Amino acid sequence: MSAMRISSLLDEITDFLAVAPTADEIIAFKPSPVLDQRLHDLLDKNSADLLSPYERAELDEFLRMNHFLTILKAKARLRAVEIA
């Protein structure tokens, strides 16, 4: 089940990038409310030290994807400044 959630996060990002978004669209991108809620649920469970190994892997993947999005958005901001 957690693999499906991880896939869903990756799918959201790759589906978004597949349509060749503009720099402004990349900067504005946010995961769906469903995935955002799942992340908050995992963070709450992590704070209470209640994560299963599968949930730990899922949270780790969320954190990796967040890092990727941070870098992508920073590069998009640079690109937007270069174009302006």
N, C-alpha and C. Protein backbone atom coordinates (compact mmCIF):
# COMPACT_ATOMS: atom_id res chain seq x y z
N MET A 1 0.82 -1.19 0.00
CA MET A 1 0.00 0.00 0.00
C MET A 1 0.86 1.25 0.00
N SER A 2 1.94 1.27 0.77
CA SER A 2 2.78 2.46 0.79
C SER A 2 3.44 2.70 -0.56
N ALA A 3 3.78 1.63 -1.27
CA ALA A 3 4.38 1.80 -2.58
C ALA A 3 3.43 2.55 -3.51
N MET A 4 2.13 2.31 -3.37
CA MET A 4 1.16 3.01 -4.18
C MET A 4 1.20 4.51 -3.85
N ARG A 5 1.31 4.85 -2.58
CA ARG A 5 1.37 6.26 -2.20
C ARG A 5 2.65 6.91 -2.74
N ILE A 6 3.77 6.20 -2.61
CA ILE A 6 5.03 6.73 -3.13
C ILE A 6 4.91 6.94 -4.63
N SER A 7 4.35 5.94 -5.31
CA SER A 7 4.14 6.06 -6.74
C SER A 7 3.26 7.25 -7.06
N SER A 8 2.23 7.47 -6.25
CA SER A 8 1.33 8.58 -6.51
C SER A 8 2.05 9.92 -6.43
N LEU A 9 2.95 10.06 -5.47
CA LEU A 9 3.71 11.30 -5.36
C LEU A 9 4.62 11.47 -6.57
N LEU A 10 5.33 10.43 -6.92
CA LEU A 10 6.18 10.49 -8.10
C LEU A 10 5.35 10.73 -9.35
N ASP A 11 4.20 10.07 -9.44
CA ASP A 11 3.32 10.26 -10.60
C ASP A 11 2.84 11.70 -10.71
N GLU A 12 2.46 12.30 -9.59
CA GLU A 12 2.02 13.71 -9.64
C GLU A 12 3.12 14.61 -10.19
N ILE A 13 4.32 14.40 -9.73
CA ILE A 13 5.44 15.24 -10.17
C ILE A 13 5.75 14.99 -11.64
N THR A 14 5.84 13.73 -12.04
CA THR A 14 6.19 13.45 -13.44
C THR A 14 5.06 13.83 -14.39
N ASP A 15 3.81 13.65 -13.98
CA ASP A 15 2.69 14.10 -14.82
C ASP A 15 2.74 15.60 -15.01
N PHE A 16 3.05 16.32 -13.95
CA PHE A 16 3.16 17.78 -14.02
C PHE A 16 4.30 18.19 -14.95
N LEU A 17 5.45 17.57 -14.80
CA LEU A 17 6.61 17.93 -15.62
C LEU A 17 6.45 17.51 -17.08
N ALA A 18 5.66 16.48 -17.32
CA ALA A 18 5.46 15.98 -18.68
C ALA A 18 4.76 16.96 -19.60
N VAL A 19 4.05 17.92 -19.03
CA VAL A 19 3.34 18.91 -19.86
C VAL A 19 4.18 20.16 -20.11
N ALA A 20 5.47 20.08 -19.78
CA ALA A 20 6.40 21.19 -20.00
C ALA A 20 5.91 22.49 -19.38
N PRO A 21 5.79 22.53 -18.06
CA PRO A 21 5.30 23.74 -17.39
C PRO A 21 6.28 24.90 -17.54
N THR A 22 5.75 26.09 -17.42
CA THR A 22 6.59 27.28 -17.43
C THR A 22 7.32 27.38 -16.10
N ALA A 23 8.30 28.27 -16.03
CA ALA A 23 9.02 28.49 -14.78
C ALA A 23 8.05 28.93 -13.67
N ASP A 24 7.12 29.80 -14.00
CA ASP A 24 6.15 30.26 -13.01
C ASP A 24 5.25 29.12 -12.52
N GLU A 25 4.87 28.23 -13.42
CA GLU A 25 4.04 27.08 -13.03
C GLU A 25 4.83 26.12 -12.13
N ILE A 26 6.11 25.96 -12.41
CA ILE A 26 6.95 25.11 -11.56
C ILE A 26 7.05 25.71 -10.17
N ILE A 27 7.28 27.00 -10.10
CA ILE A 27 7.40 27.69 -8.82
C ILE A 27 6.11 27.54 -8.00
N ALA A 28 4.98 27.57 -8.66
CA ALA A 28 3.68 27.50 -7.98
C ALA A 28 3.22 26.08 -7.68
N PHE A 29 3.90 25.08 -8.22
CA PHE A 29 3.46 23.69 -8.06
C PHE A 29 3.42 23.26 -6.59
N LYS A 30 2.34 22.57 -6.24
CA LYS A 30 2.20 21.96 -4.92
C LYS A 30 1.56 20.59 -5.11
N PRO A 31 1.96 19.63 -4.29
CA PRO A 31 1.30 18.32 -4.36
C PRO A 31 -0.19 18.46 -4.03
N SER A 32 -0.95 17.47 -4.41
CA SER A 32 -2.40 17.49 -4.17
C SER A 32 -2.69 17.53 -2.67
N PRO A 33 -3.88 18.01 -2.31
CA PRO A 33 -4.26 18.02 -0.89
C PRO A 33 -4.22 16.63 -0.25
N VAL A 34 -4.54 15.60 -1.01
CA VAL A 34 -4.50 14.23 -0.48
C VAL A 34 -3.07 13.86 -0.07
N LEU A 35 -2.12 14.14 -0.95
CA LEU A 35 -0.73 13.83 -0.61
C LEU A 35 -0.20 14.74 0.48
N ASP A 36 -0.61 15.97 0.49
CA ASP A 36 -0.19 16.89 1.55
C ASP A 36 -0.69 16.40 2.91
N GLN A 37 -1.93 15.92 2.95
CA GLN A 37 -2.47 15.39 4.20
C GLN A 37 -1.72 14.13 4.63
N ARG A 38 -1.40 13.27 3.67
CA ARG A 38 -0.66 12.05 3.98
C ARG A 38 0.70 12.40 4.58
N LEU A 39 1.36 13.39 4.01
CA LEU A 39 2.65 13.81 4.54
C LEU A 39 2.51 14.27 5.99
N HIS A 40 1.50 15.08 6.26
CA HIS A 40 1.30 15.56 7.63
C HIS A 40 0.98 14.41 8.59
N ASP A 41 0.22 13.43 8.11
CA ASP A 41 -0.07 12.26 8.94
C ASP A 41 1.21 11.50 9.27
N LEU A 42 2.06 11.33 8.25
CA LEU A 42 3.33 10.63 8.48
C LEU A 42 4.23 11.41 9.43
N LEU A 43 4.27 12.72 9.27
CA LEU A 43 5.10 13.54 10.16
C LEU A 43 4.59 13.46 11.60
N ASP A 44 3.28 13.45 11.78
CA ASP A 44 2.71 13.31 13.13
C ASP A 44 3.08 11.96 13.74
N LYS A 45 2.95 10.90 12.94
CA LYS A 45 3.30 9.57 13.45
C LYS A 45 4.80 9.48 13.74
N ASN A 46 5.60 10.13 12.91
CA ASN A 46 7.04 10.14 13.13
C ASN A 46 7.38 10.84 14.45
N SER A 47 6.73 11.95 14.72
CA SER A 47 6.95 12.69 15.97
C SER A 47 6.61 11.84 17.19
N ALA A 48 5.62 10.97 17.04
CA ALA A 48 5.20 10.09 18.13
C ALA A 48 5.97 8.76 18.10
N ASP A 49 6.92 8.63 17.17
CA ASP A 49 7.72 7.41 17.02
C ASP A 49 6.84 6.18 16.78
N LEU A 50 5.85 6.35 15.88
CA LEU A 50 4.89 5.28 15.61
C LEU A 50 4.91 4.80 14.15
N LEU A 51 5.92 5.17 13.39
CA LEU A 51 5.97 4.77 11.99
C LEU A 51 6.35 3.30 11.82
N SER A 52 5.64 2.63 10.93
CA SER A 52 6.03 1.28 10.54
C SER A 52 7.22 1.41 9.58
N PRO A 53 7.92 0.33 9.30
CA PRO A 53 9.01 0.41 8.31
C PRO A 53 8.53 0.91 6.95
N TYR A 54 7.33 0.49 6.54
CA TYR A 54 6.79 0.95 5.25
C TYR A 54 6.50 2.45 5.28
N GLU A 55 5.96 2.90 6.39
CA GLU A 55 5.68 4.34 6.52
C GLU A 55 6.97 5.14 6.58
N ARG A 56 8.01 4.60 7.20
CA ARG A 56 9.31 5.26 7.24
C ARG A 56 9.85 5.43 5.81
N ALA A 57 9.72 4.37 5.01
CA ALA A 57 10.16 4.44 3.61
C ALA A 57 9.34 5.47 2.84
N GLU A 58 8.06 5.51 3.12
CA GLU A 58 7.18 6.47 2.46
C GLU A 58 7.56 7.91 2.85
N LEU A 59 7.80 8.14 4.13
CA LEU A 59 8.21 9.47 4.58
C LEU A 59 9.56 9.85 3.98
N ASP A 60 10.49 8.91 3.94
CA ASP A 60 11.79 9.18 3.33
C ASP A 60 11.64 9.59 1.87
N GLU A 61 10.73 8.92 1.16
CA GLU A 61 10.50 9.26 -0.25
C GLU A 61 9.87 10.65 -0.37
N PHE A 62 8.93 10.97 0.49
CA PHE A 62 8.37 12.32 0.50
C PHE A 62 9.48 13.36 0.69
N LEU A 63 10.38 13.09 1.62
CA LEU A 63 11.45 14.04 1.90
C LEU A 63 12.40 14.17 0.71
N ARG A 64 12.71 13.06 0.05
CA ARG A 64 13.55 13.12 -1.17
C ARG A 64 12.86 13.93 -2.27
N MET A 65 11.57 13.68 -2.45
CA MET A 65 10.82 14.41 -3.48
C MET A 65 10.73 15.89 -3.13
N ASN A 66 10.59 16.22 -1.86
CA ASN A 66 10.56 17.61 -1.44
C ASN A 66 11.90 18.28 -1.75
N HIS A 67 12.98 17.58 -1.50
CA HIS A 67 14.30 18.12 -1.82
C HIS A 67 14.42 18.36 -3.33
N PHE A 68 13.98 17.40 -4.13
CA PHE A 68 13.99 17.54 -5.58
C PHE A 68 13.18 18.76 -6.01
N LEU A 69 11.98 18.92 -5.45
CA LEU A 69 11.13 20.06 -5.81
C LEU A 69 11.76 21.39 -5.39
N THR A 70 12.43 21.40 -4.25
CA THR A 70 13.11 22.62 -3.80
C THR A 70 14.18 23.04 -4.80
N ILE A 71 14.97 22.09 -5.25
CA ILE A 71 16.01 22.38 -6.25
C ILE A 71 15.38 22.81 -7.57
N LEU A 72 14.35 22.10 -8.00
CA LEU A 72 13.67 22.43 -9.26
C LEU A 72 13.09 23.84 -9.21
N LYS A 73 12.46 24.20 -8.10
CA LYS A 73 11.86 25.53 -7.97
C LYS A 73 12.94 26.61 -7.92
N ALA A 74 14.06 26.33 -7.27
CA ALA A 74 15.16 27.31 -7.24
C ALA A 74 15.69 27.56 -8.65
N LYS A 75 15.85 26.50 -9.41
CA LYS A 75 16.33 26.66 -10.79
C LYS A 75 15.29 27.38 -11.65
N ALA A 76 14.02 27.11 -11.40
CA ALA A 76 12.95 27.80 -12.15
C ALA A 76 12.96 29.29 -11.82
N ARG A 77 13.20 29.63 -10.54
CA ARG A 77 13.28 31.05 -10.16
C ARG A 77 14.45 31.73 -10.88
N LEU A 78 15.58 31.07 -10.93
CA LEU A 78 16.73 31.62 -11.66
C LEU A 78 16.39 31.82 -13.14
N ARG A 79 15.73 30.83 -13.71
CA ARG A 79 15.34 30.91 -15.13
C ARG A 79 14.37 32.07 -15.35
N ALA A 80 13.43 32.25 -14.44
CA ALA A 80 12.46 33.34 -14.56
C ALA A 80 13.16 34.69 -14.51
N VAL A 81 14.16 34.81 -13.67
CA VAL A 81 14.92 36.08 -13.56
C VAL A 81 15.72 36.32 -14.83
N GLU A 82 16.31 35.27 -15.40
CA GLU A 82 17.08 35.41 -16.64
C GLU A 82 16.20 35.86 -17.79
N ILE A 83 14.98 35.37 -17.83
CA ILE A 83 14.06 35.71 -18.93
C ILE A 83 13.53 37.14 -18.78
N ALA A 84 13.32 37.55 -17.54
CA ALA A 84 12.72 38.88 -17.28
C ALA A 84 13.64 40.01 -17.63
